[in-house]
Amino acid sequence: MGETEGRGQLVAAVDLGGTKILTALVSSRGKVLVKRHHPTMAAEGPPAVVRRILSGINQLLSSRRAASGVSSLSIAAAGAIDMERGVVTKSPSLPGWVDIPLRSIVAEAFQLNTIIVNDANAAALGENYFGAGRGARNLIYITVSTGIGGGIIINGELYLGASGGAGELGHMTIDINGPRCNCGNTGCLEVLASGTAIAKETRRRLGQGEKSSLSDIVGGRVEDVTAEKVALAAQGGDALATAVVARAATYLGAGMVNLVNIFNPEVIVVGGGVAKMGDLLLNPVRQVVQERAFPQLAQTVRILPAQLGDDAGIIGAAVYAFQKTGAMR
């Protein structure tokens, strides 16, 4: 159909995160036809954020592109989702979001079939259908950013688990004696290999007097060190930054060894801000997997950078909706 989609072949998708809300009209071919950004302003609380979500959806449905027909609304939300009830039960990145019935609120406002899914699960679907993992029947998506999350595709289907909570890859235990994680456990992958962990470890080492070009980059303000700045320093050959990235990559690789040995995926797709380091991060990860996973399984898996960037969540949310309505298999 080229640029034009048949009637009802569009989904109004929302990607709700801690800092921004993306809204988009997405076709069944994974094409983003209209996209808008809105600040979340999460500190204002759930009612204010919900109003911004509804406003963003209304703008989409009022656009010229929507005239060809919107079949569903689909929301990818950060945090724990009760899939059956359509409730955001808790979201670390959204203060005050405890048992918020987001699906029913949106469905009542627009009288459209409405679906809600965890954002990392949605991104897994997006990358599986239209990104780096296109065509893979068994895929794991892991996002490495402020935190670590993920999604699991088994035999071409998103695996949700018994209550819809599967895919919390950042909270597998890597070191039982490791540092305390925000989830309350100790030694989680997230507290060892996320962007937050990279920045924290770098600040610790700088505070102990280790020399690094990062001191100049942040003007001596150690508290201004971020994972992005660590990556830039590592790419420039800075020894401390390189060591910190290698440490995080080793932990991330250990987590992937577990995933490879348990799920035997064809592809592991790595997304999120930290993954923008590319091979600086992924080559050490691949090496750990080759050294530690079962040889046959290690030889089968490809570890690839994500391709969809910030659009992974909205495209994946649309894919999930199309699957539910039978428009996509």
C-alpha atoms as a PDB file:
ATOM      1  CA  MET A   1       0.000   0.000   0.000  1.00  0.00           C
ATOM      2  CA  GLY A   2       3.037   2.282   0.063  1.00  0.00           C
ATOM      3  CA  GLU A   3       2.491   5.311   2.267  1.00  0.00           C
ATOM      4  CA  THR A   4      -1.189   4.607   2.752  1.00  0.00           C
ATOM      5  CA  GLU A   5      -2.445   2.037   5.189  1.00  0.00           C
ATOM      6  CA  GLY A   6      -5.807   0.316   4.965  1.00  0.00           C
ATOM      7  CA  ARG A   7      -8.572   1.359   7.296  1.00  0.00           C
ATOM      8  CA  GLY A   8      -7.946   0.192  10.838  1.00  0.00           C
ATOM      9  CA  GLN A   9      -4.319  -0.684  10.121  1.00  0.00           C
ATOM     10  CA  LEU A  10      -2.853   1.861  12.515  1.00  0.00           C
ATOM     11  CA  VAL A  11      -2.167   1.709  16.239  1.00  0.00           C
ATOM     12  CA  ALA A  12      -1.858   4.759  18.447  1.00  0.00           C
ATOM     13  CA  ALA A  13       1.134   3.796  20.578  1.00  0.00           C
ATOM     14  CA  VAL A  14       2.484   5.364  23.755  1.00  0.00           C
ATOM     15  CA  ASP A  15       5.874   4.803  25.371  1.00  0.00           C
ATOM     16  CA  LEU A  16       5.659   6.057  28.946  1.00  0.00           C
ATOM     17  CA  GLY A  17       9.009   6.611  30.641  1.00  0.00           C
ATOM     18  CA  GLY A  18      10.349   8.517  33.580  1.00  0.00           C
ATOM     19  CA  THR A  19      11.491  11.555  31.590  1.00  0.00           C
ATOM     20  CA  LYS A  20       9.501  11.513  28.355  1.00  0.00           C
ATOM     21  CA  ILE A  21       6.282  10.273  26.836  1.00  0.00           C
ATOM     22  CA  LEU A  22       6.460   9.249  23.189  1.00  0.00           C
ATOM     23  CA  THR A  23       3.222   9.001  21.244  1.00  0.00           C
ATOM     24  CA  ALA A  24       3.014   7.720  17.687  1.00  0.00           C
ATOM     25  CA  LEU A  25       0.831   6.346  14.953  1.00  0.00           C
ATOM     26  CA  VAL A  26       2.397   3.089  13.821  1.00  0.00           C
ATOM     27  CA  SER A  27       1.459   0.966  10.818  1.00  0.00           C
ATOM     28  CA  SER A  28       1.321  -2.835  10.726  1.00  0.00           C
ATOM     29  CA  ARG A  29       4.575  -2.676   8.742  1.00  0.00           C
ATOM     30  CA  GLY A  30       6.323  -1.051  11.671  1.00  0.00           C
ATOM     31  CA  LYS A  31       6.441   2.391  10.114  1.00  0.00           C
ATOM     32  CA  VAL A  32       6.145   5.364  12.458  1.00  0.00           C
ATOM     33  CA  LEU A  33       3.872   7.770  10.575  1.00  0.00           C
ATOM     34  CA  VAL A  34       3.484  10.464  13.244  1.00  0.00           C
ATOM     35  CA  LYS A  35       5.558  10.867  16.396  1.00  0.00           C
ATOM     36  CA  ARG A  36       5.479  13.398  19.183  1.00  0.00           C
ATOM     37  CA  HIS A  37       7.513  13.916  22.350  1.00  0.00           C
ATOM     38  CA  HIS A  38       6.057  15.126  25.617  1.00  0.00           C
ATOM     39  CA  PRO A  39       7.869  15.650  28.937  1.00  0.00           C
ATOM     40  CA  THR A  40       6.687  13.240  31.607  1.00  0.00           C
ATOM     41  CA  MET A  41       7.275  15.597  34.542  1.00  0.00           C
ATOM     42  CA  ALA A  42       6.842  12.524  36.727  1.00  0.00           C
ATOM     43  CA  ALA A  43       7.429  14.445  39.950  1.00  0.00           C
ATOM     44  CA  GLU A  44       4.035  16.117  39.493  1.00  0.00           C
ATOM     45  CA  GLY A  45       2.376  12.785  40.264  1.00  0.00           C
ATOM     46  CA  PRO A  46       0.143  10.287  38.434  1.00  0.00           C
ATOM     47  CA  PRO A  47      -2.884  12.534  37.688  1.00  0.00           C
ATOM     48  CA  ALA A  48      -0.745  15.138  35.910  1.00  0.00           C
ATOM     49  CA  VAL A  49       1.146  12.492  33.938  1.00  0.00           C
ATOM     50  CA  VAL A  50      -2.104  10.776  32.942  1.00  0.00           C
ATOM     51  CA  ARG A  51      -3.445  14.108  31.664  1.00  0.00           C
ATOM     52  CA  ARG A  52      -0.351  14.476  29.468  1.00  0.00           C
ATOM     53  CA  ILE A  53      -0.799  10.935  28.141  1.00  0.00           C
ATOM     54  CA  LEU A  54      -4.439  11.625  27.256  1.00  0.00           C
ATOM     55  CA  SER A  55      -3.508  14.929  25.629  1.00  0.00           C
ATOM     56  CA  GLY A  56      -0.819  13.233  23.548  1.00  0.00           C
ATOM     57  CA  ILE A  57      -3.197  10.502  22.385  1.00  0.00           C
ATOM     58  CA  ASN A  58      -5.843  13.085  21.536  1.00  0.00           C
ATOM     59  CA  GLN A  59      -3.334  14.943  19.353  1.00  0.00           C
ATOM     60  CA  LEU A  60      -2.556  11.708  17.505  1.00  0.00           C
ATOM     61  CA  LEU A  61      -6.194  10.825  16.936  1.00  0.00           C
ATOM     62  CA  SER A  62      -6.854  14.348  15.668  1.00  0.00           C
ATOM     63  CA  SER A  63      -4.076  14.184  13.078  1.00  0.00           C
ATOM     64  CA  ARG A  64      -4.723  13.766   9.372  1.00  0.00           C
ATOM     65  CA  ARG A  65      -2.897  10.414   9.364  1.00  0.00           C
ATOM     66  CA  ALA A  66      -5.389   8.963  11.835  1.00  0.00           C
ATOM     67  CA  ALA A  67      -8.201   9.374   9.323  1.00  0.00           C
ATOM     68  CA  SER A  68      -7.335   6.017   7.739  1.00  0.00           C
ATOM     69  CA  GLY A  69      -8.408   4.291  10.937  1.00  0.00           C
ATOM     70  CA  VAL A  70      -6.903   3.487  14.323  1.00  0.00           C
ATOM     71  CA  SER A  71      -7.669  -0.049  15.481  1.00  0.00           C
ATOM     72  CA  SER A  72      -6.222   0.099  18.993  1.00  0.00           C
ATOM     73  CA  LEU A  73      -4.373   2.070  21.615  1.00  0.00           C
ATOM     74  CA  SER A  74      -1.278   0.412  23.024  1.00  0.00           C
ATOM     75  CA  ILE A  75       0.788   1.651  25.945  1.00  0.00           C
ATOM     76  CA  ALA A  76       4.324   0.551  26.789  1.00  0.00           C
ATOM     77  CA  ALA A  77       4.938   1.597  30.389  1.00  0.00           C
ATOM     78  CA  ALA A  78       8.022   1.471  32.575  1.00  0.00           C
ATOM     79  CA  GLY A  79       7.572  -0.693  35.631  1.00  0.00           C
ATOM     80  CA  ALA A  80       5.656  -3.729  36.819  1.00  0.00           C
ATOM     81  CA  ILE A  81       2.422  -4.310  34.912  1.00  0.00           C
ATOM     82  CA  ASP A  82      -0.556  -6.455  35.886  1.00  0.00           C
ATOM     83  CA  MET A  83      -1.447  -7.543  32.370  1.00  0.00           C
ATOM     84  CA  GLU A  84      -4.861  -9.001  33.225  1.00  0.00           C
ATOM     85  CA  ARG A  85      -6.118  -5.890  35.006  1.00  0.00           C
ATOM     86  CA  GLY A  86      -4.221  -3.367  32.879  1.00  0.00           C
ATOM     87  CA  VAL A  87      -2.694  -1.797  35.971  1.00  0.00           C
ATOM     88  CA  VAL A  88       0.717  -0.243  36.534  1.00  0.00           C
ATOM     89  CA  THR A  89       1.362  -1.850  39.920  1.00  0.00           C
ATOM     90  CA  LYS A  90       4.655  -0.082  40.604  1.00  0.00           C
ATOM     91  CA  SER A  91       7.164   1.942  38.610  1.00  0.00           C
ATOM     92  CA  PRO A  92      10.524   3.022  40.051  1.00  0.00           C
ATOM     93  CA  SER A  93      10.826   5.758  37.420  1.00  0.00           C
ATOM     94  CA  LEU A  94       7.319   7.143  38.041  1.00  0.00           C
ATOM     95  CA  PRO A  95       6.896   8.411  41.623  1.00  0.00           C
ATOM     96  CA  GLY A  96       3.538   7.608  43.137  1.00  0.00           C
ATOM     97  CA  TRP A  97       2.575   5.091  40.470  1.00  0.00           C
ATOM     98  CA  VAL A  98       1.168   2.305  42.601  1.00  0.00           C
ATOM     99  CA  ASP A  99      -1.812   0.339  41.269  1.00  0.00           C
ATOM    100  CA  ILE A 100      -2.736   2.918  38.630  1.00  0.00           C
ATOM    101  CA  PRO A 101      -5.478   1.478  36.330  1.00  0.00           C
ATOM    102  CA  LEU A 102      -4.027   3.083  33.235  1.00  0.00           C
ATOM    103  CA  ARG A 103      -5.687   0.806  30.682  1.00  0.00           C
ATOM    104  CA  SER A 104      -9.223   1.502  31.890  1.00  0.00           C
ATOM    105  CA  ILE A 105      -8.557   5.244  32.168  1.00  0.00           C
ATOM    106  CA  VAL A 106      -7.374   5.441  28.562  1.00  0.00           C
ATOM    107  CA  ALA A 107     -10.011   3.056  27.197  1.00  0.00           C
ATOM    108  CA  GLU A 108     -12.828   5.049  28.799  1.00  0.00           C
ATOM    109  CA  ALA A 109     -11.445   8.320  27.474  1.00  0.00           C
ATOM    110  CA  PHE A 110     -11.260   7.224  23.836  1.00  0.00           C
ATOM    111  CA  GLN A 111     -13.611   4.223  23.561  1.00  0.00           C
ATOM    112  CA  LEU A 112     -10.943   2.202  21.771  1.00  0.00           C
ATOM    113  CA  ASN A 113      -9.516  -1.232  22.460  1.00  0.00           C
ATOM    114  CA  THR A 114      -6.589  -0.496  24.788  1.00  0.00           C
ATOM    115  CA  ILE A 115      -3.603  -2.682  25.660  1.00  0.00           C
ATOM    116  CA  ILE A 116      -0.793  -2.135  28.156  1.00  0.00           C
ATOM    117  CA  VAL A 117       2.592  -3.880  28.255  1.00  0.00           C
ATOM    118  CA  ASN A 118       5.925  -3.398  29.995  1.00  0.00           C
ATOM    119  CA  ASP A 119       8.197  -1.105  27.970  1.00  0.00           C
ATOM    120  CA  ALA A 120      11.148  -3.513  27.765  1.00  0.00           C
ATOM    121  CA  ASN A 121       8.834  -6.340  26.664  1.00  0.00           C
ATOM    122  CA  ALA A 122       7.483  -4.030  23.987  1.00  0.00           C
ATOM    123  CA  ALA A 123      11.008  -3.160  22.834  1.00  0.00           C
ATOM    124  CA  ALA A 124      11.778  -6.867  22.544  1.00  0.00           C
ATOM    125  CA  LEU A 125       8.846  -7.271  20.163  1.00  0.00           C
ATOM    126  CA  GLY A 126       9.871  -4.216  18.176  1.00  0.00           C
ATOM    127  CA  GLU A 127      13.433  -5.442  17.690  1.00  0.00           C
ATOM    128  CA  ASN A 128      12.180  -8.938  16.894  1.00  0.00           C
ATOM    129  CA  TYR A 129       9.812  -7.826  14.146  1.00  0.00           C
ATOM    130  CA  PHE A 130      11.514  -4.783  12.684  1.00  0.00           C
ATOM    131  CA  GLY A 131      14.967  -4.400  14.244  1.00  0.00           C
ATOM    132  CA  ALA A 132      18.208  -6.238  14.897  1.00  0.00           C
ATOM    133  CA  GLY A 133      16.473  -9.521  15.743  1.00  0.00           C
ATOM    134  CA  ARG A 134      14.176  -9.589  12.741  1.00  0.00           C
ATOM    135  CA  GLY A 135      13.023 -13.119  11.990  1.00  0.00           C
ATOM    136  CA  ALA A 136      14.534 -14.785  15.061  1.00  0.00           C
ATOM    137  CA  ARG A 137      12.245 -17.285  16.745  1.00  0.00           C
ATOM    138  CA  ASN A 138      14.121 -17.191  20.044  1.00  0.00           C
ATOM    139  CA  LEU A 139      15.411 -13.811  21.143  1.00  0.00           C
ATOM    140  CA  ILE A 140      16.292 -11.939  24.295  1.00  0.00           C
ATOM    141  CA  TYR A 141      16.280  -8.165  24.435  1.00  0.00           C
ATOM    142  CA  ILE A 142      18.216  -6.447  27.197  1.00  0.00           C
ATOM    143  CA  THR A 143      18.226  -2.720  27.731  1.00  0.00           C
ATOM    144  CA  VAL A 144      21.198  -1.247  29.584  1.00  0.00           C
ATOM    145  CA  SER A 145      20.493   2.279  30.665  1.00  0.00           C
ATOM    146  CA  THR A 146      19.906   3.953  34.041  1.00  0.00           C
ATOM    147  CA  GLY A 147      18.702   0.493  35.015  1.00  0.00           C
ATOM    148  CA  ILE A 148      18.589  -2.852  33.232  1.00  0.00           C
ATOM    149  CA  GLY A 149      15.450  -4.506  31.894  1.00  0.00           C
ATOM    150  CA  GLY A 150      14.534  -6.925  29.176  1.00  0.00           C
ATOM    151  CA  GLY A 151      12.115  -9.057  27.256  1.00  0.00           C
ATOM    152  CA  ILE A 152      12.073 -12.678  26.133  1.00  0.00           C
ATOM    153  CA  ILE A 153      10.763 -14.118  22.862  1.00  0.00           C
ATOM    154  CA  ILE A 154      10.272 -17.899  22.795  1.00  0.00           C
ATOM    155  CA  ASN A 155       9.180 -19.638  19.599  1.00  0.00           C
ATOM    156  CA  GLY A 156       8.141 -16.297  18.146  1.00  0.00           C
ATOM    157  CA  GLU A 157       5.962 -15.307  21.114  1.00  0.00           C
ATOM    158  CA  LEU A 158       6.576 -12.793  23.860  1.00  0.00           C
ATOM    159  CA  TYR A 159       7.078 -14.739  27.082  1.00  0.00           C
ATOM    160  CA  LEU A 160       5.250 -13.046  29.963  1.00  0.00           C
ATOM    161  CA  GLY A 161       5.389 -15.705  32.677  1.00  0.00           C
ATOM    162  CA  ALA A 162       2.661 -16.750  35.092  1.00  0.00           C
ATOM    163  CA  SER A 163       1.589 -13.229  36.077  1.00  0.00           C
ATOM    164  CA  GLY A 164       3.001 -11.078  33.280  1.00  0.00           C
ATOM    165  CA  GLY A 165       6.207 -10.177  35.086  1.00  0.00           C
ATOM    166  CA  ALA A 166       8.809 -12.165  33.145  1.00  0.00           C
ATOM    167  CA  GLY A 167      11.861 -10.392  31.740  1.00  0.00           C
ATOM    168  CA  GLU A 168      13.252  -8.628  34.823  1.00  0.00           C
ATOM    169  CA  LEU A 169      16.734  -9.440  33.576  1.00  0.00           C
ATOM    170  CA  GLY A 170      18.380  -6.672  35.559  1.00  0.00           C
ATOM    171  CA  HIS A 171      17.477  -8.389  38.796  1.00  0.00           C
ATOM    172  CA  MET A 172      19.151 -11.742  38.317  1.00  0.00           C
ATOM    173  CA  THR A 173      21.693 -12.194  41.102  1.00  0.00           C
ATOM    174  CA  ILE A 174      25.280 -12.034  39.835  1.00  0.00           C
ATOM    175  CA  ASP A 175      27.124 -11.580  43.148  1.00  0.00           C
ATOM    176  CA  ILE A 176      25.364 -12.754  46.313  1.00  0.00           C
ATOM    177  CA  ASN A 177      27.712 -10.566  48.369  1.00  0.00           C
ATOM    178  CA  GLY A 178      27.451  -7.603  46.034  1.00  0.00           C
ATOM    179  CA  PRO A 179      26.119  -4.102  46.644  1.00  0.00           C
ATOM    180  CA  ARG A 180      22.519  -3.401  47.581  1.00  0.00           C
ATOM    181  CA  CYS A 181      20.162  -2.870  44.644  1.00  0.00           C
ATOM    182  CA  ASN A 182      17.186  -0.492  44.613  1.00  0.00           C
ATOM    183  CA  CYS A 183      14.945  -3.552  44.449  1.00  0.00           C
ATOM    184  CA  GLY A 184      16.130  -4.552  47.934  1.00  0.00           C
ATOM    185  CA  ASN A 185      18.258  -7.504  46.851  1.00  0.00           C
ATOM    186  CA  THR A 186      22.056  -7.584  46.704  1.00  0.00           C
ATOM    187  CA  GLY A 187      24.357  -8.145  43.740  1.00  0.00           C
ATOM    188  CA  CYS A 188      21.780  -7.727  40.967  1.00  0.00           C
ATOM    189  CA  LEU A 189      23.034  -7.278  37.421  1.00  0.00           C
ATOM    190  CA  GLU A 190      21.531  -3.782  37.432  1.00  0.00           C
ATOM    191  CA  VAL A 191      23.581  -2.592  40.392  1.00  0.00           C
ATOM    192  CA  LEU A 192      26.758  -3.925  38.765  1.00  0.00           C
ATOM    193  CA  ALA A 193      26.467  -3.131  35.056  1.00  0.00           C
ATOM    194  CA  SER A 194      23.924  -0.340  34.472  1.00  0.00           C
ATOM    195  CA  GLY A 195      24.774   3.226  33.520  1.00  0.00           C
ATOM    196  CA  THR A 196      24.155   4.180  37.142  1.00  0.00           C
ATOM    197  CA  ALA A 197      26.625   1.517  38.283  1.00  0.00           C
ATOM    198  CA  ILE A 198      29.258   2.678  35.791  1.00  0.00           C
ATOM    199  CA  ALA A 199      29.005   6.272  36.976  1.00  0.00           C
ATOM    200  CA  LYS A 200      29.015   5.263  40.661  1.00  0.00           C
ATOM    201  CA  GLU A 201      32.111   3.056  40.320  1.00  0.00           C
ATOM    202  CA  THR A 202      33.940   5.783  38.428  1.00  0.00           C
ATOM    203  CA  ARG A 203      33.105   8.371  41.074  1.00  0.00           C
ATOM    204  CA  ARG A 204      34.297   5.983  43.786  1.00  0.00           C
ATOM    205  CA  ARG A 205      37.664   5.477  42.112  1.00  0.00           C
ATOM    206  CA  LEU A 206      38.143   9.161  41.403  1.00  0.00           C
ATOM    207  CA  GLY A 207      37.300   9.874  45.035  1.00  0.00           C
ATOM    208  CA  GLN A 208      40.113   7.546  46.056  1.00  0.00           C
ATOM    209  CA  GLY A 209      42.551   9.686  44.097  1.00  0.00           C
ATOM    210  CA  GLU A 210      42.961   7.718  40.872  1.00  0.00           C
ATOM    211  CA  LYS A 211      44.031   9.814  37.918  1.00  0.00           C
ATOM    212  CA  SER A 212      41.776  10.204  34.886  1.00  0.00           C
ATOM    213  CA  SER A 213      40.972  12.643  32.110  1.00  0.00           C
ATOM    214  CA  LEU A 214      37.452  12.600  33.545  1.00  0.00           C
ATOM    215  CA  SER A 215      38.608  14.966  36.279  1.00  0.00           C
ATOM    216  CA  ASP A 216      39.220  17.591  33.605  1.00  0.00           C
ATOM    217  CA  ILE A 217      36.056  16.713  31.666  1.00  0.00           C
ATOM    218  CA  VAL A 218      33.889  17.405  34.728  1.00  0.00           C
ATOM    219  CA  GLY A 219      36.005  20.301  35.996  1.00  0.00           C
ATOM    220  CA  GLY A 220      36.866  18.480  39.199  1.00  0.00           C
ATOM    221  CA  ARG A 221      33.184  17.974  40.049  1.00  0.00           C
ATOM    222  CA  VAL A 222      33.176  14.215  40.596  1.00  0.00           C
ATOM    223  CA  GLU A 223      29.425  14.264  41.181  1.00  0.00           C
ATOM    224  CA  ASP A 224      28.963  15.297  37.533  1.00  0.00           C
ATOM    225  CA  VAL A 225      30.416  12.044  36.188  1.00  0.00           C
ATOM    226  CA  THR A 226      27.896  10.142  34.031  1.00  0.00           C
ATOM    227  CA  ALA A 227      28.077   6.863  32.130  1.00  0.00           C
ATOM    228  CA  GLU A 228      28.074   8.855  28.879  1.00  0.00           C
ATOM    229  CA  LYS A 229      31.153  10.813  29.982  1.00  0.00           C
ATOM    230  CA  VAL A 230      32.857   7.601  31.089  1.00  0.00           C
ATOM    231  CA  ALA A 231      32.205   6.143  27.631  1.00  0.00           C
ATOM    232  CA  LEU A 232      33.709   9.198  25.928  1.00  0.00           C
ATOM    233  CA  ALA A 233      36.803   8.986  28.132  1.00  0.00           C
ATOM    234  CA  ALA A 234      37.147   5.240  27.479  1.00  0.00           C
ATOM    235  CA  GLN A 235      36.883   5.792  23.727  1.00  0.00           C
ATOM    236  CA  GLY A 236      39.723   8.280  24.114  1.00  0.00           C
ATOM    237  CA  GLY A 237      41.892   5.670  25.793  1.00  0.00           C
ATOM    238  CA  ASP A 238      41.541   6.793  29.419  1.00  0.00           C
ATOM    239  CA  ALA A 239      42.772   3.925  31.603  1.00  0.00           C
ATOM    240  CA  LEU A 240      40.361   4.363  34.513  1.00  0.00           C
ATOM    241  CA  ALA A 241      37.310   4.741  32.259  1.00  0.00           C
ATOM    242  CA  THR A 242      38.392   1.745  30.173  1.00  0.00           C
ATOM    243  CA  ALA A 243      38.743  -0.372  33.309  1.00  0.00           C
ATOM    244  CA  VAL A 244      35.309   0.634  34.616  1.00  0.00           C
ATOM    245  CA  VAL A 245      33.638  -0.161  31.282  1.00  0.00           C
ATOM    246  CA  ALA A 246      35.470  -3.510  31.140  1.00  0.00           C
ATOM    247  CA  ARG A 247      34.249  -4.314  34.654  1.00  0.00           C
ATOM    248  CA  ALA A 248      30.640  -3.555  33.728  1.00  0.00           C
ATOM    249  CA  ALA A 249      31.004  -5.556  30.494  1.00  0.00           C
ATOM    250  CA  THR A 250      32.286  -8.550  32.439  1.00  0.00           C
ATOM    251  CA  TYR A 251      29.263  -8.487  34.734  1.00  0.00           C
ATOM    252  CA  LEU A 252      26.933  -7.978  31.771  1.00  0.00           C
ATOM    253  CA  GLY A 253      28.605 -10.884  30.007  1.00  0.00           C
ATOM    254  CA  ALA A 254      28.122 -13.078  33.076  1.00  0.00           C
ATOM    255  CA  GLY A 255      24.428 -12.221  33.041  1.00  0.00           C
ATOM    256  CA  MET A 256      24.238 -13.126  29.370  1.00  0.00           C
ATOM    257  CA  VAL A 257      25.949 -16.455  30.052  1.00  0.00           C
ATOM    258  CA  ASN A 258      23.016 -17.283  32.324  1.00  0.00           C
ATOM    259  CA  LEU A 259      20.545 -16.252  29.634  1.00  0.00           C
ATOM    260  CA  VAL A 260      22.347 -18.226  26.918  1.00  0.00           C
ATOM    261  CA  ASN A 261      22.532 -21.379  29.035  1.00  0.00           C
ATOM    262  CA  ILE A 262      18.896 -21.159  30.149  1.00  0.00           C
ATOM    263  CA  PHE A 263      17.154 -20.003  26.946  1.00  0.00           C
ATOM    264  CA  ASN A 264      19.531 -20.934  24.092  1.00  0.00           C
ATOM    265  CA  PRO A 265      18.521 -17.846  22.053  1.00  0.00           C
ATOM    266  CA  GLU A 266      19.503 -17.186  18.465  1.00  0.00           C
ATOM    267  CA  VAL A 267      19.994 -13.501  19.190  1.00  0.00           C
ATOM    268  CA  ILE A 268      20.533 -11.245  22.178  1.00  0.00           C
ATOM    269  CA  VAL A 269      19.759  -7.656  21.235  1.00  0.00           C
ATOM    270  CA  VAL A 270      21.307  -4.998  23.474  1.00  0.00           C
ATOM    271  CA  GLY A 271      19.617  -1.589  23.619  1.00  0.00           C
ATOM    272  CA  GLY A 272      19.530   1.412  25.935  1.00  0.00           C
ATOM    273  CA  GLY A 273      21.826   4.370  26.366  1.00  0.00           C
ATOM    274  CA  VAL A 274      24.828   2.407  27.633  1.00  0.00           C
ATOM    275  CA  ALA A 275      24.661   0.126  24.583  1.00  0.00           C
ATOM    276  CA  LYS A 276      25.524   3.156  22.436  1.00  0.00           C
ATOM    277  CA  MET A 277      29.121   2.404  23.428  1.00  0.00           C
ATOM    278  CA  GLY A 278      28.935  -0.273  20.720  1.00  0.00           C
ATOM    279  CA  ASP A 279      31.828  -2.714  20.487  1.00  0.00           C
ATOM    280  CA  LEU A 280      33.647  -1.017  23.363  1.00  0.00           C
ATOM    281  CA  LEU A 281      31.019  -2.689  25.555  1.00  0.00           C
ATOM    282  CA  LEU A 282      29.821  -5.571  23.388  1.00  0.00           C
ATOM    283  CA  ASN A 283      33.144  -7.138  22.393  1.00  0.00           C
ATOM    284  CA  PRO A 284      34.124  -7.890  26.025  1.00  0.00           C
ATOM    285  CA  VAL A 285      30.575  -9.152  26.600  1.00  0.00           C
ATOM    286  CA  ARG A 286      30.872 -11.500  23.617  1.00  0.00           C
ATOM    287  CA  GLN A 287      34.223 -12.743  24.900  1.00  0.00           C
ATOM    288  CA  VAL A 288      32.778 -13.604  28.322  1.00  0.00           C
ATOM    289  CA  VAL A 289      29.902 -15.490  26.679  1.00  0.00           C
ATOM    290  CA  GLN A 290      32.290 -17.457  24.460  1.00  0.00           C
ATOM    291  CA  GLU A 291      34.468 -18.345  27.443  1.00  0.00           C
ATOM    292  CA  ARG A 292      31.753 -19.245  29.944  1.00  0.00           C
ATOM    293  CA  ALA A 293      28.569 -20.427  28.196  1.00  0.00           C
ATOM    294  CA  PHE A 294      28.130 -23.979  26.980  1.00  0.00           C
ATOM    295  CA  PRO A 295      30.147 -24.102  23.733  1.00  0.00           C
ATOM    296  CA  GLN A 296      27.317 -25.213  21.455  1.00  0.00           C
ATOM    297  CA  LEU A 297      25.021 -22.526  22.817  1.00  0.00           C
ATOM    298  CA  ALA A 298      27.707 -19.847  22.692  1.00  0.00           C
ATOM    299  CA  GLN A 299      28.336 -20.636  19.040  1.00  0.00           C
ATOM    300  CA  THR A 300      24.633 -20.354  18.248  1.00  0.00           C
ATOM    301  CA  VAL A 301      23.932 -16.933  19.752  1.00  0.00           C
ATOM    302  CA  ARG A 302      24.611 -13.564  18.125  1.00  0.00           C
ATOM    303  CA  ILE A 303      24.919 -10.539  20.388  1.00  0.00           C
ATOM    304  CA  LEU A 304      23.852  -7.460  18.453  1.00  0.00           C
ATOM    305  CA  PRO A 305      23.236  -3.772  19.110  1.00  0.00           C
ATOM    306  CA  ALA A 306      19.615  -2.665  18.874  1.00  0.00           C
ATOM    307  CA  GLN A 307      18.529  -0.901  15.690  1.00  0.00           C
ATOM    308  CA  LEU A 308      15.302   0.910  16.565  1.00  0.00           C
ATOM    309  CA  GLY A 309      16.672   3.352  19.142  1.00  0.00           C
ATOM    310  CA  ASP A 310      14.022   5.374  20.944  1.00  0.00           C
ATOM    311  CA  ASP A 311      11.314   3.977  18.647  1.00  0.00           C
ATOM    312  CA  ALA A 312      11.666   0.387  19.929  1.00  0.00           C
ATOM    313  CA  GLY A 313       8.998   0.819  22.613  1.00  0.00           C
ATOM    314  CA  ILE A 314       6.347   2.462  20.467  1.00  0.00           C
ATOM    315  CA  ILE A 315       6.906   0.075  17.557  1.00  0.00           C
ATOM    316  CA  GLY A 316       6.825  -2.905  19.916  1.00  0.00           C
ATOM    317  CA  ALA A 317       3.679  -1.648  21.631  1.00  0.00           C
ATOM    318  CA  ALA A 318       2.032  -1.469  18.208  1.00  0.00           C
ATOM    319  CA  VAL A 319       3.242  -4.967  17.316  1.00  0.00           C
ATOM    320  CA  TYR A 320       1.697  -6.291  20.534  1.00  0.00           C
ATOM    321  CA  ALA A 321      -1.617  -4.645  19.691  1.00  0.00           C
ATOM    322  CA  PHE A 322      -1.579  -5.961  16.119  1.00  0.00           C
ATOM    323  CA  GLN A 323      -0.874  -9.450  17.465  1.00  0.00           C
ATOM    324  CA  LYS A 324      -3.802  -9.214  19.859  1.00  0.00           C
ATOM    325  CA  THR A 325      -6.193  -8.118  17.097  1.00  0.00           C
ATOM    326  CA  GLY A 326      -4.943 -10.743  14.648  1.00  0.00           C
ATOM    327  CA  ALA A 327      -3.490  -8.242  12.184  1.00  0.00           C
ATOM    328  CA  MET A 328       0.026  -9.591  12.683  1.00  0.00           C
ATOM    329  CA  ARG A 329       1.356 -13.073  13.342  1.00  0.00           C
END
